[in-house]
Protein backbone atom coordinates (compact mmCIF):
# COMPACT_ATOMS: atom_id res chain seq x y z
CA MET A 1 -0.09 0.25 -0.06
CA LEU A 2 2.73 2.31 0.79
CA ALA A 3 4.29 1.80 -2.57
CA TYR A 4 1.00 2.45 -4.30
CA ALA A 5 0.76 5.79 -2.11
CA ARG A 6 4.28 6.77 -3.20
CA ASP A 7 3.62 6.24 -6.84
CA ARG A 8 0.28 8.46 -6.56
CA ARG A 9 1.67 11.13 -4.72
CA ARG A 10 5.09 12.90 -4.63
CA PHE A 11 7.94 11.22 -3.00
CA LEU A 12 8.28 12.48 0.54
CA LEU A 13 6.26 15.64 -0.13
CA PHE A 14 8.59 16.54 -3.07
CA GLY A 15 9.55 15.49 -6.29
CA ARG A 16 7.20 14.17 -9.06
CA PRO A 17 5.08 11.13 -9.10
CA ARG A 18 6.96 7.88 -10.02
CA ARG A 19 5.68 6.08 -13.40
CA VAL A 20 4.87 2.65 -13.03
CA GLY A 21 3.65 0.26 -15.51
CA PRO A 22 0.61 -2.03 -15.54
CA GLU A 23 2.84 -5.06 -14.90
CA THR A 24 4.07 -3.66 -11.69
CA HIS A 25 0.35 -2.52 -10.59
CA ARG A 26 -0.81 -6.35 -11.23
CA HIS A 27 2.22 -7.63 -9.64
CA ARG A 28 1.77 -5.45 -6.14
CA ALA A 29 -2.20 -6.27 -6.48
CA GLU A 30 -1.40 -10.21 -6.67
CA VAL A 31 0.94 -9.70 -3.71
CA LEU A 32 -1.66 -7.94 -1.55
CA LEU A 33 -4.00 -10.44 -2.50
CA GLU A 34 -1.90 -13.41 -1.37
CA SER A 35 -1.05 -11.30 1.99
CA LEU A 36 -4.92 -10.86 2.84
CA LEU A 37 -5.77 -14.66 2.11
CA THR A 38 -3.00 -15.56 3.92
CA LEU A 39 -4.25 -13.31 6.89
CA GLY A 40 -7.44 -14.67 6.71
CA PRO A 41 -9.87 -13.81 9.70
CA THR A 42 -7.20 -11.89 11.16
CA PHE A 43 -7.15 -9.09 8.51
CA ILE A 44 -11.27 -8.57 9.21
CA LYS A 45 -10.51 -8.10 13.01
CA LEU A 46 -7.93 -6.04 12.33
CA GLY A 47 -9.97 -3.80 10.13
CA GLN A 48 -12.92 -3.96 12.92
CA LEU A 49 -10.34 -2.94 15.36
CA LEU A 50 -8.91 0.03 13.16
CA SER A 51 -12.52 0.96 12.68
CA THR A 52 -13.45 1.75 16.08
CA ARG A 53 -10.61 3.97 16.59
CA PRO A 54 -11.47 7.80 15.66
CA ASP A 55 -7.51 8.70 15.72
CA VAL A 56 -6.65 6.31 12.99
């Protein structure tokens, strides 16, 4: 997720956005999907925990 945000925005508040190809986006999406599937119910509980925090 950090890599996606870094590509869309400027790197550390300065500079220009990075140019990333569709194959890089696809690879990152596959890695994220595998990570979420590995976490399983833990990911859901983590999301529920974060949703109760107003400061996050």
